[in-house]
Amino acid sequence: MNDLLGTEIGTSGTKTVLMDTEGHLIAQDLQEYDIITPRPLWAEQWPDVWLDATKASIRNTGQKSGISKEKDCRDCN
């Protein structure tokens, strides 16, 4: 059976979910980060913060799932 991984990069955090094809949640992770506000009504974020959060969120979701990194993927497309 194949699983589905989804990642959403939001304003205050990056969330990753791992679900099976029946829609059951297997694992999830949220990495939060700050928004830089140097002036009123301004908001800034650094792309490397998003990238680091995305990598950590995906890694943590995989670890929480208990699925082996070496899972046989002959049927994966």
PDB file of N, CA and C in Angstrom:
ATOM      1  N   MET A   1       0.841  -1.173   0.000  1.00  0.00           N
ATOM      2  CA  MET A   1       0.000   0.000   0.000  1.00  0.00           C
ATOM      3  C   MET A   1       0.888   1.239   0.000  1.00  0.00           C
ATOM      4  N   ASN A   2       0.504   2.255  -0.748  1.00  0.00           N
ATOM      5  CA  ASN A   2       1.242   3.510  -0.797  1.00  0.00           C
ATOM      6  C   ASN A   2       0.694   4.478   0.238  1.00  0.00           C
ATOM      7  N   ASP A   3       1.588   5.315   0.755  1.00  0.00           N
ATOM      8  CA  ASP A   3       1.192   6.361   1.688  1.00  0.00           C
ATOM      9  C   ASP A   3       1.356   7.704   0.995  1.00  0.00           C
ATOM     10  N   LEU A   4       0.688   8.726   1.527  1.00  0.00           N
ATOM     11  CA  LEU A   4       0.716  10.055   0.944  1.00  0.00           C
ATOM     12  C   LEU A   4       1.315  11.032   1.941  1.00  0.00           C
ATOM     13  N   LEU A   5       2.266  11.850   1.480  1.00  0.00           N
ATOM     14  CA  LEU A   5       2.922  12.834   2.314  1.00  0.00           C
ATOM     15  C   LEU A   5       2.573  14.220   1.790  1.00  0.00           C
ATOM     16  N   GLY A   6       2.146  15.101   2.684  1.00  0.00           N
ATOM     17  CA  GLY A   6       1.821  16.463   2.290  1.00  0.00           C
ATOM     18  C   GLY A   6       2.478  17.446   3.232  1.00  0.00           C
ATOM     19  N   THR A   7       3.000  18.534   2.677  1.00  0.00           N
ATOM     20  CA  THR A   7       3.639  19.568   3.480  1.00  0.00           C
ATOM     21  C   THR A   7       3.066  20.923   3.099  1.00  0.00           C
ATOM     22  N   GLU A   8       2.745  21.728   4.110  1.00  0.00           N
ATOM     23  CA  GLU A   8       2.208  23.066   3.900  1.00  0.00           C
ATOM     24  C   GLU A   8       3.117  24.064   4.611  1.00  0.00           C
ATOM     25  N   ILE A   9       3.617  25.029   3.843  1.00  0.00           N
ATOM     26  CA  ILE A   9       4.463  26.075   4.410  1.00  0.00           C
ATOM     27  C   ILE A   9       3.571  27.279   4.663  1.00  0.00           C
ATOM     28  N   GLY A  10       3.328  27.571   5.929  1.00  0.00           N
ATOM     29  CA  GLY A  10       2.436  28.660   6.296  1.00  0.00           C
ATOM     30  C   GLY A  10       3.174  29.853   6.856  1.00  0.00           C
ATOM     31  N   THR A  11       2.420  30.830   7.267  1.00  0.00           N
ATOM     32  CA  THR A  11       2.974  32.078   7.776  1.00  0.00           C
ATOM     33  C   THR A  11       3.754  31.887   9.065  1.00  0.00           C
ATOM     34  N   SER A  12       3.255  31.047   9.957  1.00  0.00           N
ATOM     35  CA  SER A  12       3.913  30.895  11.251  1.00  0.00           C
ATOM     36  C   SER A  12       4.442  29.486  11.507  1.00  0.00           C
ATOM     37  N   GLY A  13       4.339  28.597  10.505  1.00  0.00           N
ATOM     38  CA  GLY A  13       4.847  27.251  10.695  1.00  0.00           C
ATOM     39  C   GLY A  13       4.700  26.395   9.457  1.00  0.00           C
ATOM     40  N   THR A  14       5.436  25.296   9.462  1.00  0.00           N
ATOM     41  CA  THR A  14       5.380  24.309   8.383  1.00  0.00           C
ATOM     42  C   THR A  14       4.858  23.007   8.975  1.00  0.00           C
ATOM     43  N   LYS A  15       3.822  22.457   8.350  1.00  0.00           N
ATOM     44  CA  LYS A  15       3.204  21.226   8.834  1.00  0.00           C
ATOM     45  C   LYS A  15       3.307  20.152   7.772  1.00  0.00           C
ATOM     46  N   THR A  16       3.628  18.949   8.209  1.00  0.00           N
ATOM     47  CA  THR A  16       3.676  17.786   7.330  1.00  0.00           C
ATOM     48  C   THR A  16       2.761  16.716   7.894  1.00  0.00           C
ATOM     49  N   VAL A  17       2.003  16.068   7.016  1.00  0.00           N
ATOM     50  CA  VAL A  17       1.156  14.947   7.415  1.00  0.00           C
ATOM     51  C   VAL A  17       1.466  13.744   6.529  1.00  0.00           C
ATOM     52  N   LEU A  18       1.370  12.572   7.094  1.00  0.00           N
ATOM     53  CA  LEU A  18       1.508  11.313   6.371  1.00  0.00           C
ATOM     54  C   LEU A  18       0.206  10.554   6.567  1.00  0.00           C
ATOM     55  N   MET A  19      -0.433  10.200   5.447  1.00  0.00           N
ATOM     56  CA  MET A  19      -1.719   9.512   5.498  1.00  0.00           C
ATOM     57  C   MET A  19      -1.673   8.287   4.590  1.00  0.00           C
ATOM     58  N   ASP A  20      -2.552   7.339   4.878  1.00  0.00           N
ATOM     59  CA  ASP A  20      -2.681   6.224   3.950  1.00  0.00           C
ATOM     60  C   ASP A  20      -3.705   6.601   2.887  1.00  0.00           C
ATOM     61  N   THR A  21      -3.849   5.776   1.878  1.00  0.00           N
ATOM     62  CA  THR A  21      -4.747   6.105   0.767  1.00  0.00           C
ATOM     63  C   THR A  21      -6.221   6.012   1.154  1.00  0.00           C
ATOM     64  N   GLU A  22      -6.508   5.543   2.361  1.00  0.00           N
ATOM     65  CA  GLU A  22      -7.881   5.508   2.867  1.00  0.00           C
ATOM     66  C   GLU A  22      -8.213   6.790   3.631  1.00  0.00           C
ATOM     67  N   GLY A  23      -7.224   7.669   3.810  1.00  0.00           N
ATOM     68  CA  GLY A  23      -7.449   8.923   4.512  1.00  0.00           C
ATOM     69  C   GLY A  23      -7.164   8.898   5.997  1.00  0.00           C
ATOM     70  N   HIS A  24      -6.528   7.823   6.487  1.00  0.00           N
ATOM     71  CA  HIS A  24      -6.193   7.720   7.910  1.00  0.00           C
ATOM     72  C   HIS A  24      -4.843   8.384   8.173  1.00  0.00           C
ATOM     73  N   LEU A  25      -4.815   9.224   9.196  1.00  0.00           N
ATOM     74  CA  LEU A  25      -3.583   9.902   9.580  1.00  0.00           C
ATOM     75  C   LEU A  25      -2.614   8.911  10.205  1.00  0.00           C
ATOM     76  N   ILE A  26      -1.394   8.880   9.698  1.00  0.00           N
ATOM     77  CA  ILE A  26      -0.353   8.005  10.236  1.00  0.00           C
ATOM     78  C   ILE A  26       0.537   8.785  11.190  1.00  0.00           C
ATOM     79  N   ALA A  27       0.980   9.976  10.769  1.00  0.00           N
ATOM     80  CA  ALA A  27       1.848  10.806  11.601  1.00  0.00           C
ATOM     81  C   ALA A  27       1.797  12.238  11.086  1.00  0.00           C
ATOM     82  N   GLN A  28       2.179  13.173  11.971  1.00  0.00           N
ATOM     83  CA  GLN A  28       2.232  14.575  11.573  1.00  0.00           C
ATOM     84  C   GLN A  28       3.271  15.312  12.407  1.00  0.00           C
ATOM     85  N   ASP A  29       3.684  16.469  11.917  1.00  0.00           N
ATOM     86  CA  ASP A  29       4.645  17.288  12.647  1.00  0.00           C
ATOM     87  C   ASP A  29       4.435  18.749  12.273  1.00  0.00           C
ATOM     88  N   LEU A  30       4.682  19.639  13.221  1.00  0.00           N
ATOM     89  CA  LEU A  30       4.593  21.073  13.000  1.00  0.00           C
ATOM     90  C   LEU A  30       5.874  21.731  13.489  1.00  0.00           C
ATOM     91  N   GLN A  31       6.496  22.501  12.622  1.00  0.00           N
ATOM     92  CA  GLN A  31       7.667  23.295  12.973  1.00  0.00           C
ATOM     93  C   GLN A  31       7.252  24.759  12.918  1.00  0.00           C
ATOM     94  N   GLU A  32       7.304  25.428  14.064  1.00  0.00           N
ATOM     95  CA  GLU A  32       6.882  26.825  14.121  1.00  0.00           C
ATOM     96  C   GLU A  32       8.084  27.762  13.993  1.00  0.00           C
ATOM     97  N   TYR A  33       7.825  28.952  13.464  1.00  0.00           N
ATOM     98  CA  TYR A  33       8.868  29.972  13.352  1.00  0.00           C
ATOM     99  C   TYR A  33       8.240  31.347  13.502  1.00  0.00           C
ATOM    100  N   ASP A  34       9.095  32.316  13.787  1.00  0.00           N
ATOM    101  CA  ASP A  34       8.638  33.686  14.009  1.00  0.00           C
ATOM    102  C   ASP A  34       8.519  34.446  12.701  1.00  0.00           C
ATOM    103  N   ILE A  35       7.741  35.485  12.753  1.00  0.00           N
ATOM    104  CA  ILE A  35       7.639  36.438  11.650  1.00  0.00           C
ATOM    105  C   ILE A  35       8.408  37.681  12.083  1.00  0.00           C
ATOM    106  N   ILE A  36       9.283  38.165  11.245  1.00  0.00           N
ATOM    107  CA  ILE A  36      10.059  39.358  11.543  1.00  0.00           C
ATOM    108  C   ILE A  36       9.215  40.575  11.162  1.00  0.00           C
ATOM    109  N   THR A  37       9.015  41.479  12.105  1.00  0.00           N
ATOM    110  CA  THR A  37       8.221  42.687  11.843  1.00  0.00           C
ATOM    111  C   THR A  37       9.075  43.917  12.141  1.00  0.00           C
ATOM    112  N   PRO A  38       9.895  44.349  11.177  1.00  0.00           N
ATOM    113  CA  PRO A  38      10.798  45.479  11.422  1.00  0.00           C
ATOM    114  C   PRO A  38      10.091  46.826  11.545  1.00  0.00           C
ATOM    115  N   ARG A  39       8.905  46.930  10.987  1.00  0.00           N
ATOM    116  CA  ARG A  39       8.112  48.163  11.058  1.00  0.00           C
ATOM    117  C   ARG A  39       6.639  47.784  11.121  1.00  0.00           C
ATOM    118  N   PRO A  40       5.802  48.707  11.584  1.00  0.00           N
ATOM    119  CA  PRO A  40       4.360  48.406  11.587  1.00  0.00           C
ATOM    120  C   PRO A  40       3.873  48.046  10.175  1.00  0.00           C
ATOM    121  N   LEU A  41       3.042  47.024  10.112  1.00  0.00           N
ATOM    122  CA  LEU A  41       2.438  46.524   8.874  1.00  0.00           C
ATOM    123  C   LEU A  41       3.436  45.840   7.940  1.00  0.00           C
ATOM    124  N   TRP A  42       4.663  45.640   8.351  1.00  0.00           N
ATOM    125  CA  TRP A  42       5.654  44.909   7.559  1.00  0.00           C
ATOM    126  C   TRP A  42       5.801  43.508   8.140  1.00  0.00           C
ATOM    127  N   ALA A  43       6.050  42.550   7.278  1.00  0.00           N
ATOM    128  CA  ALA A  43       6.335  41.183   7.712  1.00  0.00           C
ATOM    129  C   ALA A  43       7.400  40.599   6.796  1.00  0.00           C
ATOM    130  N   GLU A  44       8.399  39.968   7.408  1.00  0.00           N
ATOM    131  CA  GLU A  44       9.485  39.362   6.638  1.00  0.00           C
ATOM    132  C   GLU A  44       9.738  37.948   7.141  1.00  0.00           C
ATOM    133  N   GLN A  45      10.205  37.109   6.240  1.00  0.00           N
ATOM    134  CA  GLN A  45      10.669  35.774   6.604  1.00  0.00           C
ATOM    135  C   GLN A  45      11.820  35.414   5.682  1.00  0.00           C
ATOM    136  N   TRP A  46      12.696  34.590   6.170  1.00  0.00           N
ATOM    137  CA  TRP A  46      13.852  34.153   5.393  1.00  0.00           C
ATOM    138  C   TRP A  46      13.571  32.788   4.776  1.00  0.00           C
ATOM    139  N   PRO A  47      13.831  32.620   3.472  1.00  0.00           N
ATOM    140  CA  PRO A  47      13.569  31.329   2.811  1.00  0.00           C
ATOM    141  C   PRO A  47      14.305  30.155   3.455  1.00  0.00           C
ATOM    142  N   ASP A  48      15.497  30.391   4.018  1.00  0.00           N
ATOM    143  CA  ASP A  48      16.221  29.278   4.648  1.00  0.00           C
ATOM    144  C   ASP A  48      15.484  28.778   5.890  1.00  0.00           C
ATOM    145  N   VAL A  49      14.714  29.639   6.538  1.00  0.00           N
ATOM    146  CA  VAL A  49      13.897  29.207   7.674  1.00  0.00           C
ATOM    147  C   VAL A  49      12.825  28.236   7.188  1.00  0.00           C
ATOM    148  N   TRP A  50      12.183  28.563   6.060  1.00  0.00           N
ATOM    149  CA  TRP A  50      11.175  27.666   5.486  1.00  0.00           C
ATOM    150  C   TRP A  50      11.795  26.327   5.084  1.00  0.00           C
ATOM    151  N   LEU A  51      12.958  26.387   4.436  1.00  0.00           N
ATOM    152  CA  LEU A  51      13.622  25.161   3.985  1.00  0.00           C
ATOM    153  C   LEU A  51      14.001  24.276   5.173  1.00  0.00           C
ATOM    154  N   ASP A  52      14.610  24.871   6.195  1.00  0.00           N
ATOM    155  CA  ASP A  52      14.998  24.094   7.375  1.00  0.00           C
ATOM    156  C   ASP A  52      13.773  23.486   8.063  1.00  0.00           C
ATOM    157  N   ALA A  53      12.698  24.267   8.169  1.00  0.00           N
ATOM    158  CA  ALA A  53      11.481  23.769   8.799  1.00  0.00           C
ATOM    159  C   ALA A  53      10.851  22.644   7.981  1.00  0.00           C
ATOM    160  N   THR A  54      10.893  22.769   6.662  1.00  0.00           N
ATOM    161  CA  THR A  54      10.340  21.727   5.789  1.00  0.00           C
ATOM    162  C   THR A  54      11.107  20.426   5.957  1.00  0.00           C
ATOM    163  N   LYS A  55      12.429  20.515   5.930  1.00  0.00           N
ATOM    164  CA  LYS A  55      13.241  19.296   6.095  1.00  0.00           C
ATOM    165  C   LYS A  55      13.014  18.664   7.461  1.00  0.00           C
ATOM    166  N   ALA A  56      12.969  19.477   8.514  1.00  0.00           N
ATOM    167  CA  ALA A  56      12.759  18.942   9.865  1.00  0.00           C
ATOM    168  C   ALA A  56      11.372  18.325   9.998  1.00  0.00           C
ATOM    169  N   SER A  57      10.361  18.983   9.437  1.00  0.00           N
ATOM    170  CA  SER A  57       8.994  18.483   9.535  1.00  0.00           C
ATOM    171  C   SER A  57       8.823  17.141   8.823  1.00  0.00           C
ATOM    172  N   ILE A  58       9.401  17.029   7.630  1.00  0.00           N
ATOM    173  CA  ILE A  58       9.331  15.762   6.895  1.00  0.00           C
ATOM    174  C   ILE A  58      10.090  14.664   7.639  1.00  0.00           C
ATOM    175  N   ARG A  59      11.298  14.979   8.117  1.00  0.00           N
ATOM    176  CA  ARG A  59      12.100  13.999   8.859  1.00  0.00           C
ATOM    177  C   ARG A  59      11.365  13.540  10.111  1.00  0.00           C
ATOM    178  N   ASN A  60      10.821  14.483  10.890  1.00  0.00           N
ATOM    179  CA  ASN A  60      10.129  14.135  12.131  1.00  0.00           C
ATOM    180  C   ASN A  60       8.864  13.322  11.869  1.00  0.00           C
ATOM    181  N   THR A  61       8.143  13.660  10.814  1.00  0.00           N
ATOM    182  CA  THR A  61       6.941  12.892  10.470  1.00  0.00           C
ATOM    183  C   THR A  61       7.316  11.452  10.142  1.00  0.00           C
ATOM    184  N   GLY A  62       8.382  11.288   9.381  1.00  0.00           N
ATOM    185  CA  GLY A  62       8.849   9.937   9.064  1.00  0.00           C
ATOM    186  C   GLY A  62       9.241   9.157  10.300  1.00  0.00           C
ATOM    187  N   GLN A  63       9.942   9.816  11.224  1.00  0.00           N
ATOM    188  CA  GLN A  63      10.353   9.145  12.457  1.00  0.00           C
ATOM    189  C   GLN A  63       9.148   8.784  13.324  1.00  0.00           C
ATOM    190  N   LYS A  64       8.181   9.684  13.414  1.00  0.00           N
ATOM    191  CA  LYS A  64       6.980   9.418  14.218  1.00  0.00           C
ATOM    192  C   LYS A  64       6.130   8.298  13.632  1.00  0.00           C
ATOM    193  N   SER A  65       6.207   8.111  12.317  1.00  0.00           N
ATOM    194  CA  SER A  65       5.372   7.101  11.655  1.00  0.00           C
ATOM    195  C   SER A  65       5.805   5.679  11.976  1.00  0.00           C
ATOM    196  N   GLY A  66       7.079   5.511  12.296  1.00  0.00           N
ATOM    197  CA  GLY A  66       7.593   4.166  12.550  1.00  0.00           C
ATOM    198  C   GLY A  66       7.887   3.390  11.271  1.00  0.00           C
ATOM    199  N   ILE A  67       7.712   4.023  10.122  1.00  0.00           N
ATOM    200  CA  ILE A  67       7.994   3.368   8.845  1.00  0.00           C
ATOM    201  C   ILE A  67       9.493   3.424   8.593  1.00  0.00           C
ATOM    202  N   SER A  68      10.075   2.328   8.244  1.00  0.00           N
ATOM    203  CA  SER A  68      11.509   2.249   8.007  1.00  0.00           C
ATOM    204  C   SER A  68      11.910   3.063   6.783  1.00  0.00           C
ATOM    205  N   LYS A  69      13.063   3.743   6.877  1.00  0.00           N
ATOM    206  CA  LYS A  69      13.581   4.475   5.721  1.00  0.00           C
ATOM    207  C   LYS A  69      13.908   3.523   4.579  1.00  0.00           C
ATOM    208  N   GLU A  70      14.189   2.287   4.899  1.00  0.00           N
ATOM    209  CA  GLU A  70      14.560   1.297   3.896  1.00  0.00           C
ATOM    210  C   GLU A  70      13.348   0.539   3.370  1.00  0.00           C
ATOM    211  N   LYS A  71      12.148   1.072   3.601  1.00  0.00           N
ATOM    212  CA  LYS A  71      10.923   0.400   3.137  1.00  0.00           C
ATOM    213  C   LYS A  71      11.049   0.034   1.663  1.00  0.00           C
ATOM    214  N   ASP A  72      10.673  -1.178   1.342  1.00  0.00           N
ATOM    215  CA  ASP A  72      10.731  -1.648  -0.035  1.00  0.00           C
ATOM    216  C   ASP A  72       9.824  -0.774  -0.900  1.00  0.00           C
ATOM    217  N   CYS A  73      10.391  -0.197  -1.931  1.00  0.00           N
ATOM    218  CA  CYS A  73       9.626   0.731  -2.745  1.00  0.00           C
ATOM    219  C   CYS A  73       9.613   0.283  -4.211  1.00  0.00           C
ATOM    220  N   ARG A  74       9.618  -1.003  -4.451  1.00  0.00           N
ATOM    221  CA  ARG A  74       9.572  -1.505  -5.832  1.00  0.00           C
ATOM    222  C   ARG A  74       8.292  -1.103  -6.530  1.00  0.00           C
ATOM    223  N   ASP A  75       7.198  -0.969  -5.763  1.00  0.00           N
ATOM    224  CA  ASP A  75       5.911  -0.618  -6.371  1.00  0.00           C
ATOM    225  C   ASP A  75       5.645   0.883  -6.378  1.00  0.00           C
ATOM    226  N   CYS A  76       6.601   1.674  -5.851  1.00  0.00           N
ATOM    227  CA  CYS A  76       6.402   3.131  -5.801  1.00  0.00           C
ATOM    228  C   CYS A  76       6.617   3.736  -7.192  1.00  0.00           C
ATOM    229  N   ASN A  77       5.770   4.650  -7.553  1.00  0.00           N
ATOM    230  CA  ASN A  77       5.892   5.334  -8.841  1.00  0.00           C
ATOM    231  C   ASN A  77       5.978   6.816  -8.633  1.00  0.00           C
TER     232      ASN A  77
END
